[in-house]
Amino acid sequence: MIAALNHLPQYLQFARGQSSTASGLLLLPLMLAMVAAQLASGRIIARTGRYRTHPILGGALMTAGALLLLLLDTDAPVAVASGLTVVLGAGMGLLMQATLLVTMYGAEPRDMGAASGTVTLVRTLGGSLGWPSSARCSPRVSTGPTPT
């Protein structure tokens, strides 16, 4: 999630020539899809009590969304680049909500604060390790000559 939120605006700014404000606004489909998926997933899990398919479907959607974003090049329309993030956002929403609810269901009432804190810690650690890894794999954008 953190990698997508950091690299997509850079792509839109450097490869597509968007302003920083416009590139941030073009992430709205990702965020709206994530919130919608979280709300829908939370309601379905609370109503049915079944949560097993949500993280699996979320992981599959996130993988598909990330693979779809690999199709972007400098000729891709900005609306397509912004629209492809919907798949990634829906996957993130399903995965994040389901893992939090599973953790909360498994915790004793006195340990719910520690359980939700642990989920937040693991997400933060994952972002701290995942973002530099994805930054290392992405191509470097240069505006001038490469120093020797």
Foldseek 3Di string as FASTA:
>chain_A
DLQCLPVQLVCCCQLVVDDSVVSNVLQVLLQVLLVVLLVVLVVVCVVPVDQVVQLVQLVVLLVVLVVVLVPDDSPDDSNSNSVSSSSNSNSNNSNLNSVLVVQQVPDDPVCNVVSNVVSVVVVVVCSVVVNVVVVVVDDDDDDDDDDD
